[in-house]
Structures are given as structure tokens and as C-alpha cells.
């Protein structure tokens, strides 16, 4: 559905340019800038169409390949792996651990900052998991994301 809407929204500005040329074929400053604005809008939606086609498996030359699930994104000394089951495994040095108590009806959260070669990454976990993350220690965690935060499945000290 998003692909169809993006295709329509990419072609409408092009129709507007054709209408501008049909109504007033002279090259005026107004027509030039209106054409540039409409081309920009069409290009933005056109790139969205190309990305949607790439996500559906079509090889798009300029956008590269889509990262498949289960692939590893490796920075300098770090790994971030998305498992086929939707679980995520990543490692890094624990830089900071903060605990936040939520209001009634919502779960408390722990915000863990992991630093790796690519920079810091903040992870939000449900519940109090402060004792699982020693500050300054290198850990490898496996978790599954959720609406209010991630569920910690496994933690190993590296």
C-alpha cells in the first residue's frame, strides 16, 4: 500500500510540471522555481519507491543491498546481530546504567549505555537489571525488543 501511495505521490508533481508547461510554455522565473520545487518533491517520493522495492528484494543499483536478518553489523571491536527469531545480540563496554521508576500501570526501566568502536548505544530494558551490568565491564547481551522496553534474555561477561 505504501509503495502504491508513494508511486502516486511521485508522479503527481511531474504532472504538475507538464501542466505548467502546457499553460505557459515560456521559461519564466516562476515556472523555473515551481518546476524545481515539484522535481524535488517527486524525487523524495521516488527515492521512497526505490527503497520499498529494494526492501521487497529487487536489486537497486545505487542504493546497495538490503541488510538481511541474521546479518552482523560489525564496528571496530563490536558486534550487533539480529537473529532470525527477532532477538538481538550485541556487545560492548558498559558506560552507564540508570534506573527509572515509572508510574502505576507501567513497568520500571533501566537505561544501559554500551560503548563500542562505533560509539555509544543506549538500550532500554524493562525492570531493574542494574545488577546485571557492571560499569566498566565488557558484556554481551541477548534481548528481545518490546513496546515499553527490551526483555533481557541473556547476559555474559566478556
N, C-alpha and C. Protein backbone atom coordinates (compact mmCIF):
# COMPACT_ATOMS: atom_id res chain seq x y z
N UNK A 1 0.83 -1.19 0.00
CA UNK A 1 0.00 0.00 0.00
C UNK A 1 0.87 1.26 0.00
N UNK A 2 1.92 1.25 0.85
CA UNK A 2 2.83 2.38 0.90
C UNK A 2 3.54 2.57 -0.43
N UNK A 3 3.86 1.48 -1.08
CA UNK A 3 4.51 1.56 -2.39
C UNK A 3 3.60 2.23 -3.41
N UNK A 4 2.33 1.87 -3.43
CA UNK A 4 1.38 2.46 -4.36
C UNK A 4 1.18 3.94 -4.09
N UNK A 5 1.03 4.31 -2.82
CA UNK A 5 0.84 5.72 -2.46
C UNK A 5 2.08 6.53 -2.83
N UNK A 6 3.26 5.99 -2.59
CA UNK A 6 4.49 6.70 -2.94
C UNK A 6 4.63 6.86 -4.45
N UNK A 7 4.22 5.85 -5.20
CA UNK A 7 4.27 5.96 -6.66
C UNK A 7 3.34 7.07 -7.16
N UNK A 8 2.16 7.14 -6.59
CA UNK A 8 1.21 8.18 -6.99
C UNK A 8 1.75 9.56 -6.62
N UNK A 9 2.27 9.68 -5.39
CA UNK A 9 2.80 10.97 -4.95
C UNK A 9 4.08 11.36 -5.68
N UNK A 10 4.79 10.41 -6.27
CA UNK A 10 5.97 10.73 -7.08
C UNK A 10 5.59 11.21 -8.47
N UNK A 11 4.46 10.75 -8.98
CA UNK A 11 4.06 11.15 -10.34
C UNK A 11 3.22 12.43 -10.36
N UNK A 12 2.52 12.76 -9.29
CA UNK A 12 1.69 13.96 -9.28
C UNK A 12 2.49 15.24 -9.53
N UNK A 13 3.64 15.45 -8.91
CA UNK A 13 4.41 16.67 -9.22
C UNK A 13 4.88 16.71 -10.67
N UNK A 14 5.17 15.56 -11.26
CA UNK A 14 5.56 15.54 -12.67
C UNK A 14 4.39 15.98 -13.56
N UNK A 15 3.19 15.57 -13.18
CA UNK A 15 2.00 16.03 -13.91
C UNK A 15 1.82 17.54 -13.75
N UNK A 16 2.17 18.05 -12.56
CA UNK A 16 2.11 19.49 -12.33
C UNK A 16 3.09 20.25 -13.21
N UNK A 17 4.27 19.70 -13.41
CA UNK A 17 5.26 20.33 -14.29
C UNK A 17 4.74 20.34 -15.73
N UNK A 18 4.16 19.24 -16.15
CA UNK A 18 3.60 19.19 -17.51
C UNK A 18 2.47 20.21 -17.66
N UNK A 19 1.65 20.39 -16.62
CA UNK A 19 0.57 21.38 -16.67
C UNK A 19 1.14 22.79 -16.74
N UNK A 20 2.23 23.06 -16.01
CA UNK A 20 2.87 24.38 -16.09
C UNK A 20 3.37 24.67 -17.49
N UNK A 21 3.98 23.70 -18.11
CA UNK A 21 4.49 23.88 -19.47
C UNK A 21 3.34 24.03 -20.46
N UNK A 22 2.26 23.29 -20.25
CA UNK A 22 1.10 23.36 -21.15
C UNK A 22 0.43 24.73 -21.08
N UNK A 23 0.27 25.26 -19.84
CA UNK A 23 -0.41 26.54 -19.65
C UNK A 23 0.47 27.70 -20.12
N UNK A 24 1.72 27.69 -19.73
CA UNK A 24 2.62 28.79 -20.07
C UNK A 24 3.96 28.21 -20.53
N UNK A 25 4.15 28.02 -21.84
CA UNK A 25 5.37 27.39 -22.33
C UNK A 25 6.62 28.26 -22.24
N UNK A 26 6.47 29.53 -21.88
CA UNK A 26 7.64 30.40 -21.75
C UNK A 26 8.43 30.02 -20.49
N UNK A 27 9.72 30.22 -20.56
CA UNK A 27 10.57 29.95 -19.40
C UNK A 27 10.65 31.22 -18.55
N UNK A 28 9.88 31.24 -17.47
CA UNK A 28 9.91 32.37 -16.55
C UNK A 28 10.54 31.91 -15.24
N UNK A 29 10.87 32.88 -14.41
CA UNK A 29 11.46 32.55 -13.10
C UNK A 29 10.47 31.77 -12.26
N UNK A 30 9.20 32.16 -12.33
CA UNK A 30 8.16 31.45 -11.57
C UNK A 30 8.07 29.99 -12.00
N UNK A 31 8.03 29.76 -13.31
CA UNK A 31 7.95 28.38 -13.81
C UNK A 31 9.19 27.58 -13.45
N UNK A 32 10.36 28.23 -13.52
CA UNK A 32 11.60 27.53 -13.21
C UNK A 32 11.63 27.07 -11.76
N UNK A 33 11.32 27.98 -10.83
CA UNK A 33 11.37 27.61 -9.42
C UNK A 33 10.25 26.65 -9.04
N UNK A 34 9.08 26.82 -9.62
CA UNK A 34 7.99 25.87 -9.35
C UNK A 34 8.37 24.48 -9.86
N UNK A 35 9.03 24.43 -11.02
CA UNK A 35 9.47 23.13 -11.55
C UNK A 35 10.52 22.50 -10.65
N UNK A 36 11.45 23.31 -10.15
CA UNK A 36 12.47 22.78 -9.23
C UNK A 36 11.86 22.25 -7.94
N UNK A 37 10.89 22.96 -7.40
CA UNK A 37 10.22 22.50 -6.18
C UNK A 37 9.47 21.20 -6.44
N UNK A 38 8.74 21.14 -7.54
CA UNK A 38 7.99 19.92 -7.85
C UNK A 38 8.92 18.74 -8.16
N UNK A 39 10.04 18.99 -8.82
CA UNK A 39 11.01 17.92 -9.06
C UNK A 39 11.61 17.39 -7.76
N UNK A 40 11.85 18.28 -6.81
CA UNK A 40 12.37 17.85 -5.51
C UNK A 40 11.36 16.97 -4.79
N UNK A 41 10.12 17.37 -4.77
CA UNK A 41 9.08 16.57 -4.13
C UNK A 41 8.97 15.21 -4.82
N UNK A 42 8.97 15.20 -6.14
CA UNK A 42 8.88 13.96 -6.89
C UNK A 42 10.10 13.06 -6.60
N UNK A 43 11.28 13.67 -6.51
CA UNK A 43 12.49 12.89 -6.22
C UNK A 43 12.46 12.24 -4.85
N UNK A 44 11.94 12.96 -3.86
CA UNK A 44 11.85 12.40 -2.50
C UNK A 44 10.94 11.18 -2.49
N UNK A 45 9.79 11.30 -3.10
CA UNK A 45 8.88 10.15 -3.15
C UNK A 45 9.42 9.04 -4.06
N UNK A 46 10.17 9.42 -5.11
CA UNK A 46 10.77 8.42 -5.97
C UNK A 46 11.83 7.60 -5.25
N UNK A 47 12.62 8.25 -4.40
CA UNK A 47 13.60 7.51 -3.59
C UNK A 47 12.90 6.57 -2.62
N UNK A 48 11.77 7.02 -2.07
CA UNK A 48 10.99 6.15 -1.18
C UNK A 48 10.49 4.92 -1.93
N UNK A 49 10.06 5.10 -3.19
CA UNK A 49 9.62 3.96 -4.01
C UNK A 49 10.79 3.00 -4.23
N UNK A 50 11.96 3.53 -4.55
CA UNK A 50 13.13 2.67 -4.77
C UNK A 50 13.50 1.90 -3.50
N UNK A 51 13.43 2.55 -2.35
CA UNK A 51 13.74 1.86 -1.10
C UNK A 51 12.73 0.76 -0.80
N UNK A 52 11.45 1.02 -1.08
CA UNK A 52 10.43 0.00 -0.88
C UNK A 52 10.67 -1.20 -1.80
N UNK A 53 11.03 -0.92 -3.06
CA UNK A 53 11.32 -2.01 -3.99
C UNK A 53 12.54 -2.80 -3.55
N UNK A 54 13.55 -2.10 -3.02
CA UNK A 54 14.74 -2.79 -2.52
C UNK A 54 14.39 -3.68 -1.32
N UNK A 55 13.52 -3.18 -0.44
CA UNK A 55 13.11 -3.98 0.72
C UNK A 55 12.31 -5.20 0.32
N UNK A 56 11.69 -5.16 -0.84
CA UNK A 56 10.93 -6.32 -1.33
C UNK A 56 11.79 -7.29 -2.12
N UNK A 57 13.10 -7.00 -2.24
CA UNK A 57 14.00 -7.95 -2.85
C UNK A 57 14.54 -7.58 -4.21
N UNK A 58 14.09 -6.49 -4.81
CA UNK A 58 14.63 -6.08 -6.11
C UNK A 58 16.00 -5.44 -5.92
N UNK A 59 16.98 -5.81 -6.74
CA UNK A 59 18.30 -5.18 -6.60
C UNK A 59 18.28 -3.79 -7.23
N UNK A 60 18.49 -2.78 -6.41
CA UNK A 60 18.52 -1.39 -6.88
C UNK A 60 19.99 -0.96 -6.93
N UNK A 61 20.52 -0.57 -8.10
CA UNK A 61 21.96 -0.35 -8.25
C UNK A 61 22.56 0.70 -7.32
N UNK A 62 21.95 1.85 -7.16
CA UNK A 62 22.57 2.93 -6.39
C UNK A 62 22.35 2.83 -4.89
N UNK A 63 21.35 2.08 -4.45
CA UNK A 63 21.04 2.02 -3.03
C UNK A 63 21.74 0.88 -2.30
N UNK A 64 22.36 -0.02 -3.01
CA UNK A 64 23.04 -1.14 -2.36
C UNK A 64 22.06 -2.22 -1.95
N UNK A 65 22.61 -3.23 -1.27
CA UNK A 65 21.77 -4.35 -0.84
C UNK A 65 21.15 -4.06 0.50
N UNK A 66 20.00 -4.65 0.71
CA UNK A 66 19.30 -4.55 1.98
C UNK A 66 19.98 -5.47 2.98
N UNK A 67 20.14 -5.02 4.22
CA UNK A 67 20.72 -5.86 5.27
C UNK A 67 19.71 -6.92 5.67
N UNK A 68 20.07 -8.16 5.54
CA UNK A 68 19.17 -9.27 5.85
C UNK A 68 19.20 -9.55 7.34
N UNK A 69 18.11 -10.12 7.84
CA UNK A 69 18.07 -10.52 9.24
C UNK A 69 19.07 -11.64 9.47
N UNK A 70 19.71 -11.58 10.61
CA UNK A 70 20.71 -12.58 10.91
C UNK A 70 22.09 -12.17 10.45
N UNK A 71 22.19 -10.99 9.85
CA UNK A 71 23.47 -10.49 9.40
C UNK A 71 24.15 -9.77 10.55
N UNK A 72 25.43 -9.64 10.46
CA UNK A 72 26.21 -8.99 11.50
C UNK A 72 26.62 -7.61 11.02
N UNK A 73 26.38 -6.60 11.85
CA UNK A 73 26.89 -5.26 11.58
C UNK A 73 28.06 -5.07 12.52
N UNK A 74 29.24 -5.00 11.98
CA UNK A 74 30.44 -5.00 12.81
C UNK A 74 31.09 -3.64 12.78
N UNK A 75 31.31 -3.07 13.96
CA UNK A 75 32.11 -1.87 14.10
C UNK A 75 33.48 -2.29 14.58
N UNK A 76 34.30 -1.35 14.95
CA UNK A 76 35.64 -1.69 15.44
C UNK A 76 35.51 -2.33 16.82
N UNK A 77 35.62 -3.63 16.88
CA UNK A 77 35.59 -4.33 18.16
C UNK A 77 34.21 -4.58 18.71
N UNK A 78 33.16 -4.41 17.93
CA UNK A 78 31.81 -4.63 18.45
C UNK A 78 31.03 -5.45 17.44
N UNK A 79 29.94 -6.03 17.93
CA UNK A 79 29.07 -6.78 17.03
C UNK A 79 27.63 -6.54 17.43
N UNK A 80 26.78 -6.41 16.43
CA UNK A 80 25.35 -6.22 16.61
C UNK A 80 24.69 -7.21 15.67
N UNK A 81 24.03 -8.23 16.22
CA UNK A 81 23.47 -9.30 15.41
C UNK A 81 21.98 -9.39 15.67
N UNK A 82 21.20 -9.41 14.59
CA UNK A 82 19.76 -9.63 14.68
C UNK A 82 19.50 -11.08 14.28
N UNK A 83 18.97 -11.85 15.21
CA UNK A 83 18.69 -13.27 14.97
C UNK A 83 17.42 -13.41 14.11
N UNK A 84 17.24 -14.54 13.44
CA UNK A 84 16.00 -14.76 12.66
C UNK A 84 14.74 -14.75 13.52
N UNK A 85 14.88 -15.02 14.83
CA UNK A 85 13.72 -15.03 15.72
C UNK A 85 13.32 -13.63 16.18
N UNK A 86 14.10 -12.61 15.80
CA UNK A 86 13.82 -11.24 16.21
C UNK A 86 14.62 -10.81 17.42
N UNK A 87 15.36 -11.73 18.00
CA UNK A 87 16.21 -11.38 19.14
C UNK A 87 17.45 -10.65 18.64
N UNK A 88 18.02 -9.83 19.51
CA UNK A 88 19.20 -9.07 19.16
C UNK A 88 20.31 -9.44 20.13
N UNK A 89 21.52 -9.59 19.58
CA UNK A 89 22.70 -9.86 20.41
C UNK A 89 23.73 -8.80 20.09
N UNK A 90 24.22 -8.14 21.13
CA UNK A 90 25.27 -7.16 20.91
C UNK A 90 26.20 -7.11 22.11
N UNK A 91 27.36 -6.54 21.88
CA UNK A 91 28.35 -6.48 22.94
C UNK A 91 28.96 -5.10 23.00
N UNK A 92 29.56 -4.79 24.13
CA UNK A 92 30.21 -3.51 24.32
C UNK A 92 30.60 -3.34 25.78
N UNK A 93 31.23 -2.23 26.06
CA UNK A 93 31.63 -1.90 27.42
C UNK A 93 30.52 -1.07 28.05
N UNK A 94 30.11 -1.45 29.26
CA UNK A 94 29.04 -0.73 29.96
C UNK A 94 29.59 0.62 30.42
N UNK A 95 29.00 1.66 29.91
CA UNK A 95 29.45 3.00 30.26
C UNK A 95 28.62 3.61 31.38
N UNK A 96 27.31 3.35 31.36
CA UNK A 96 26.43 3.94 32.36
C UNK A 96 25.19 3.07 32.50
N UNK A 97 24.65 3.01 33.73
CA UNK A 97 23.39 2.30 33.97
C UNK A 97 22.51 3.23 34.81
N UNK A 98 21.31 3.52 34.32
CA UNK A 98 20.38 4.39 35.03
C UNK A 98 19.06 3.65 35.22
N UNK A 99 18.43 3.84 36.37
CA UNK A 99 17.18 3.17 36.70
C UNK A 99 16.09 4.22 36.87
N UNK A 100 14.94 3.99 36.24
CA UNK A 100 13.83 4.92 36.32
C UNK A 100 12.58 4.19 36.77
N UNK A 101 11.95 4.72 37.83
CA UNK A 101 10.69 4.15 38.29
C UNK A 101 9.56 4.82 37.54
N UNK A 102 8.66 4.01 37.01
CA UNK A 102 7.53 4.53 36.24
C UNK A 102 6.30 4.64 37.10
N UNK A 103 5.28 5.26 36.56
CA UNK A 103 4.03 5.42 37.27
C UNK A 103 3.28 4.10 37.35
N UNK A 104 2.15 4.15 38.01
CA UNK A 104 1.32 2.96 38.21
C UNK A 104 0.82 2.46 36.86
N UNK A 105 0.92 1.16 36.65
CA UNK A 105 0.44 0.54 35.42
C UNK A 105 1.50 0.43 34.33
N UNK A 106 2.68 0.96 34.57
CA UNK A 106 3.75 0.86 33.58
C UNK A 106 4.96 0.23 34.26
N UNK A 107 5.79 -0.44 33.47
CA UNK A 107 6.95 -1.12 34.04
C UNK A 107 8.11 -0.15 34.23
N UNK A 108 8.90 -0.41 35.29
CA UNK A 108 10.11 0.36 35.53
C UNK A 108 11.13 0.04 34.44
N UNK A 109 12.07 0.95 34.24
CA UNK A 109 13.04 0.76 33.15
C UNK A 109 14.46 1.02 33.62
N UNK A 110 15.37 0.32 32.97
CA UNK A 110 16.80 0.54 33.15
C UNK A 110 17.37 0.96 31.79
N UNK A 111 18.12 2.05 31.78
CA UNK A 111 18.76 2.51 30.56
C UNK A 111 20.25 2.21 30.68
N UNK A 112 20.74 1.36 29.78
CA UNK A 112 22.13 0.93 29.79
C UNK A 112 22.82 1.54 28.57
N UNK A 113 23.96 2.16 28.79
CA UNK A 113 24.74 2.72 27.70
C UNK A 113 25.93 1.82 27.45
N UNK A 114 25.97 1.21 26.26
CA UNK A 114 27.09 0.37 25.85
C UNK A 114 27.95 1.17 24.88
N UNK A 115 29.24 1.14 25.09
CA UNK A 115 30.17 1.82 24.18
C UNK A 115 30.96 0.77 23.44
N UNK A 116 31.04 0.97 22.13
CA UNK A 116 31.85 0.10 21.30
C UNK A 116 32.63 0.97 20.33
N UNK A 117 33.27 0.37 19.36
CA UNK A 117 34.09 1.12 18.42
C UNK A 117 33.30 2.13 17.60
N UNK A 118 32.01 1.87 17.39
CA UNK A 118 31.19 2.77 16.59
C UNK A 118 30.60 3.91 17.41
N UNK A 119 30.71 3.85 18.72
CA UNK A 119 30.16 4.89 19.58
C UNK A 119 29.19 4.31 20.59
N UNK A 120 28.60 5.17 21.42
CA UNK A 120 27.69 4.67 22.45
C UNK A 120 26.34 4.28 21.87
N UNK A 121 25.71 3.31 22.53
CA UNK A 121 24.37 2.85 22.14
C UNK A 121 23.57 2.67 23.42
N UNK A 122 22.39 3.27 23.45
CA UNK A 122 21.53 3.19 24.64
C UNK A 122 20.51 2.08 24.46
N UNK A 123 20.42 1.22 25.47
CA UNK A 123 19.46 0.13 25.48
C UNK A 123 18.51 0.34 26.65
N UNK A 124 17.22 0.18 26.42
CA UNK A 124 16.22 0.35 27.47
C UNK A 124 15.65 -1.03 27.79
N UNK A 125 15.79 -1.45 29.05
CA UNK A 125 15.30 -2.75 29.49
C UNK A 125 14.17 -2.56 30.48
N UNK A 126 13.22 -3.49 30.46
CA UNK A 126 12.14 -3.49 31.44
C UNK A 126 12.68 -4.00 32.77
N UNK A 127 12.20 -3.41 33.85
CA UNK A 127 12.56 -3.88 35.18
C UNK A 127 13.92 -3.37 35.64
N UNK A 128 14.32 -3.86 36.81
CA UNK A 128 15.58 -3.45 37.42
C UNK A 128 16.66 -4.48 37.07
N UNK A 129 17.52 -4.15 36.14
CA UNK A 129 18.60 -5.05 35.72
C UNK A 129 19.96 -4.42 36.00
N UNK A 130 20.00 -3.50 36.97
CA UNK A 130 21.27 -2.81 37.27
C UNK A 130 22.36 -3.78 37.70
N UNK A 131 21.98 -4.83 38.42
CA UNK A 131 22.99 -5.78 38.91
C UNK A 131 23.57 -6.65 37.79
N UNK A 132 22.96 -6.64 36.63
CA UNK A 132 23.45 -7.44 35.50
C UNK A 132 24.53 -6.73 34.69
N UNK A 133 24.69 -5.43 34.89
CA UNK A 133 25.60 -4.64 34.06
C UNK A 133 26.62 -3.91 34.92
N UNK A 134 27.80 -4.50 35.11
CA UNK A 134 28.84 -3.81 35.88
C UNK A 134 29.46 -2.68 35.04
N UNK A 135 29.47 -1.48 35.60
CA UNK A 135 30.01 -0.33 34.87
C UNK A 135 31.50 -0.55 34.62
N UNK A 136 31.92 -0.37 33.39
CA UNK A 136 33.31 -0.57 33.00
C UNK A 136 33.60 -1.97 32.50
N UNK A 137 32.69 -2.91 32.70
CA UNK A 137 32.89 -4.29 32.24
C UNK A 137 32.37 -4.48 30.83
N UNK A 138 33.00 -5.42 30.13
CA UNK A 138 32.56 -5.73 28.76
C UNK A 138 31.52 -6.85 28.85
N UNK A 139 30.36 -6.64 28.23
CA UNK A 139 29.28 -7.62 28.29
C UNK A 139 28.78 -7.92 26.89
N UNK A 140 28.18 -9.10 26.78
CA UNK A 140 27.44 -9.49 25.58
C UNK A 140 26.03 -9.80 26.04
N UNK A 141 25.05 -9.10 25.45
CA UNK A 141 23.66 -9.28 25.86
C UNK A 141 22.84 -9.81 24.70
N UNK A 142 21.79 -10.53 25.06
CA UNK A 142 20.81 -11.00 24.09
C UNK A 142 19.46 -10.56 24.63
N UNK A 143 18.69 -9.87 23.80
CA UNK A 143 17.41 -9.34 24.26
C UNK A 143 16.41 -9.33 23.12
N UNK A 144 15.15 -9.18 23.52
CA UNK A 144 14.05 -9.08 22.55
C UNK A 144 13.33 -7.77 22.84
N UNK A 145 13.17 -6.95 21.81
CA UNK A 145 12.54 -5.65 21.97
C UNK A 145 11.05 -5.77 22.24
N UNK A 146 10.51 -4.76 22.90
CA UNK A 146 9.09 -4.70 23.20
C UNK A 146 8.61 -3.27 23.13
N UNK A 147 7.34 -3.06 23.49
CA UNK A 147 6.76 -1.73 23.42
C UNK A 147 7.34 -0.79 24.47
N UNK A 148 7.46 -1.25 25.69
CA UNK A 148 7.93 -0.39 26.78
C UNK A 148 9.42 -0.53 27.03
N UNK A 149 10.06 -1.47 26.40
CA UNK A 149 11.49 -1.70 26.61
C UNK A 149 11.82 -3.13 26.23
N UNK A 150 13.09 -3.44 26.26
CA UNK A 150 13.54 -4.77 25.86
C UNK A 150 13.50 -5.73 27.05
N UNK A 151 13.27 -7.00 26.75
CA UNK A 151 13.35 -8.06 27.75
C UNK A 151 14.75 -8.66 27.68
N UNK A 152 15.49 -8.64 28.78
CA UNK A 152 16.82 -9.20 28.83
C UNK A 152 16.71 -10.72 28.87
N UNK A 153 17.29 -11.40 27.88
CA UNK A 153 17.23 -12.85 27.82
C UNK A 153 18.51 -13.49 28.34
N UNK A 154 19.66 -12.88 28.05
CA UNK A 154 20.93 -13.46 28.45
C UNK A 154 21.97 -12.35 28.56
N UNK A 155 22.85 -12.48 29.56
CA UNK A 155 23.95 -11.57 29.74
C UNK A 155 25.20 -12.35 30.06
N UNK A 156 26.28 -12.08 29.32
CA UNK A 156 27.56 -12.75 29.58
C UNK A 156 28.64 -11.69 29.73
N UNK A 157 29.52 -11.89 30.68
CA UNK A 157 30.69 -11.02 30.81
C UNK A 157 31.74 -11.48 29.84
N UNK A 158 32.33 -10.55 29.13
CA UNK A 158 33.35 -10.92 28.13
C UNK A 158 34.74 -10.68 28.66
